[in-house]
Each structure stands twice: as C-alpha cells, then as structure tokens.
C-alpha cells in the first residue's frame, strides 16, 4: 500500500490578517499536539482576561466547540 504524503502547515498558509493580529509576545510554531499543524505559543506569560485581535470569524458558544 502507498501512503499519501503528509501536508505540513507553514507560515505561508496563514492569512496576513491573522499574522497582523498576533500580540507581540505570541508566535506561531509547530503544534505540540499535531506536528503537521501550527500552534500558538506565548513567549511570556499572558494575563488572564487579556484580549487581542481583531477577531475574524463566527463566535461560537462553548457547547458548539
């Protein structure tokens, strides 16, 4: 059997508005959960309740995610 090639997400796959919306102390690096995807990593502690954006997309209730 032949396995299909694994696609790895890169920074080139991230829309520009997402990169612009990242706070100064947040970076995108390979995910610790799924090495084929990017994850969000903080370079220093983020205070509880800290907000950043802009948010783009549909807001969901906790029960929907």
Protein backbone atom coordinates (compact mmCIF):
# COMPACT_ATOMS: atom_id res chain seq x y z
CA UNK A 1 0.00 0.00 0.00
CA UNK A 2 1.12 3.52 -0.75
CA UNK A 3 0.58 6.17 1.90
CA UNK A 4 -0.36 9.67 0.79
CA UNK A 5 2.20 12.39 1.56
CA UNK A 6 1.68 14.32 4.79
CA UNK A 7 0.91 18.01 4.31
CA UNK A 8 2.59 20.24 6.88
CA UNK A 9 1.09 23.66 7.60
CA UNK A 10 3.57 26.54 7.28
CA UNK A 11 3.52 30.28 7.94
CA UNK A 12 2.88 30.75 4.21
CA UNK A 13 -0.53 29.10 4.79
CA UNK A 14 -1.55 31.68 7.42
CA UNK A 15 -3.58 34.66 6.16
CA UNK A 16 -1.83 38.01 6.58
CA UNK A 17 -4.62 39.42 8.80
CA UNK A 18 -4.01 36.58 11.28
CA UNK A 19 -0.29 37.35 11.49
CA UNK A 20 -1.03 41.07 11.94
CA UNK A 21 -3.47 40.30 14.77
CA UNK A 22 -0.98 38.37 16.88
CA UNK A 23 0.15 40.13 20.05
CA UNK A 24 3.84 40.98 20.35
CA UNK A 25 4.51 38.05 22.71
CA UNK A 26 2.70 35.36 20.69
CA UNK A 27 4.23 33.29 17.90
CA UNK A 28 3.14 30.51 15.57
CA UNK A 29 5.31 27.38 15.73
CA UNK A 30 4.68 23.69 15.06
CA UNK A 31 1.94 22.40 17.34
CA UNK A 32 2.82 20.24 20.34
CA UNK A 33 -0.40 18.29 19.67
CA UNK A 34 -0.21 17.80 15.88
CA UNK A 35 3.20 18.28 14.26
CA UNK A 36 1.58 18.85 10.85
CA UNK A 37 -0.21 21.98 12.11
CA UNK A 38 0.87 25.30 13.55
CA UNK A 39 0.18 26.10 17.17
CA UNK A 40 0.02 29.36 19.09
CA UNK A 41 2.88 29.80 21.55
CA UNK A 42 3.42 32.58 24.10
CA UNK A 43 6.95 33.87 24.61
CA UNK A 44 5.97 35.13 28.08
CA UNK A 45 3.00 34.74 30.42
CA UNK A 46 -0.32 36.17 29.25
CA UNK A 47 -2.51 37.63 31.96
CA UNK A 48 -5.93 36.05 32.43
CA UNK A 49 -8.56 38.08 30.56
CA UNK A 50 -6.06 39.65 28.14
CA UNK A 51 -7.77 40.39 24.82
CA UNK A 52 -6.18 40.68 21.40
CA UNK A 53 -7.40 40.61 17.85
CA UNK A 54 -9.03 41.60 15.60
CA UNK A 55 -11.38 38.65 15.76
CA UNK A 56 -12.40 37.35 12.34
CA UNK A 57 -15.00 34.62 12.04
CA UNK A 58 -18.15 33.42 13.71
CA UNK A 59 -18.39 33.45 17.50
CA UNK A 60 -19.45 30.11 18.97
CA UNK A 61 -20.95 29.12 22.30
CA UNK A 62 -18.86 26.76 24.45
CA UNK A 63 -21.38 23.99 23.71
CA UNK A 64 -20.63 24.37 19.97
CA UNK A 65 -16.87 23.82 20.17
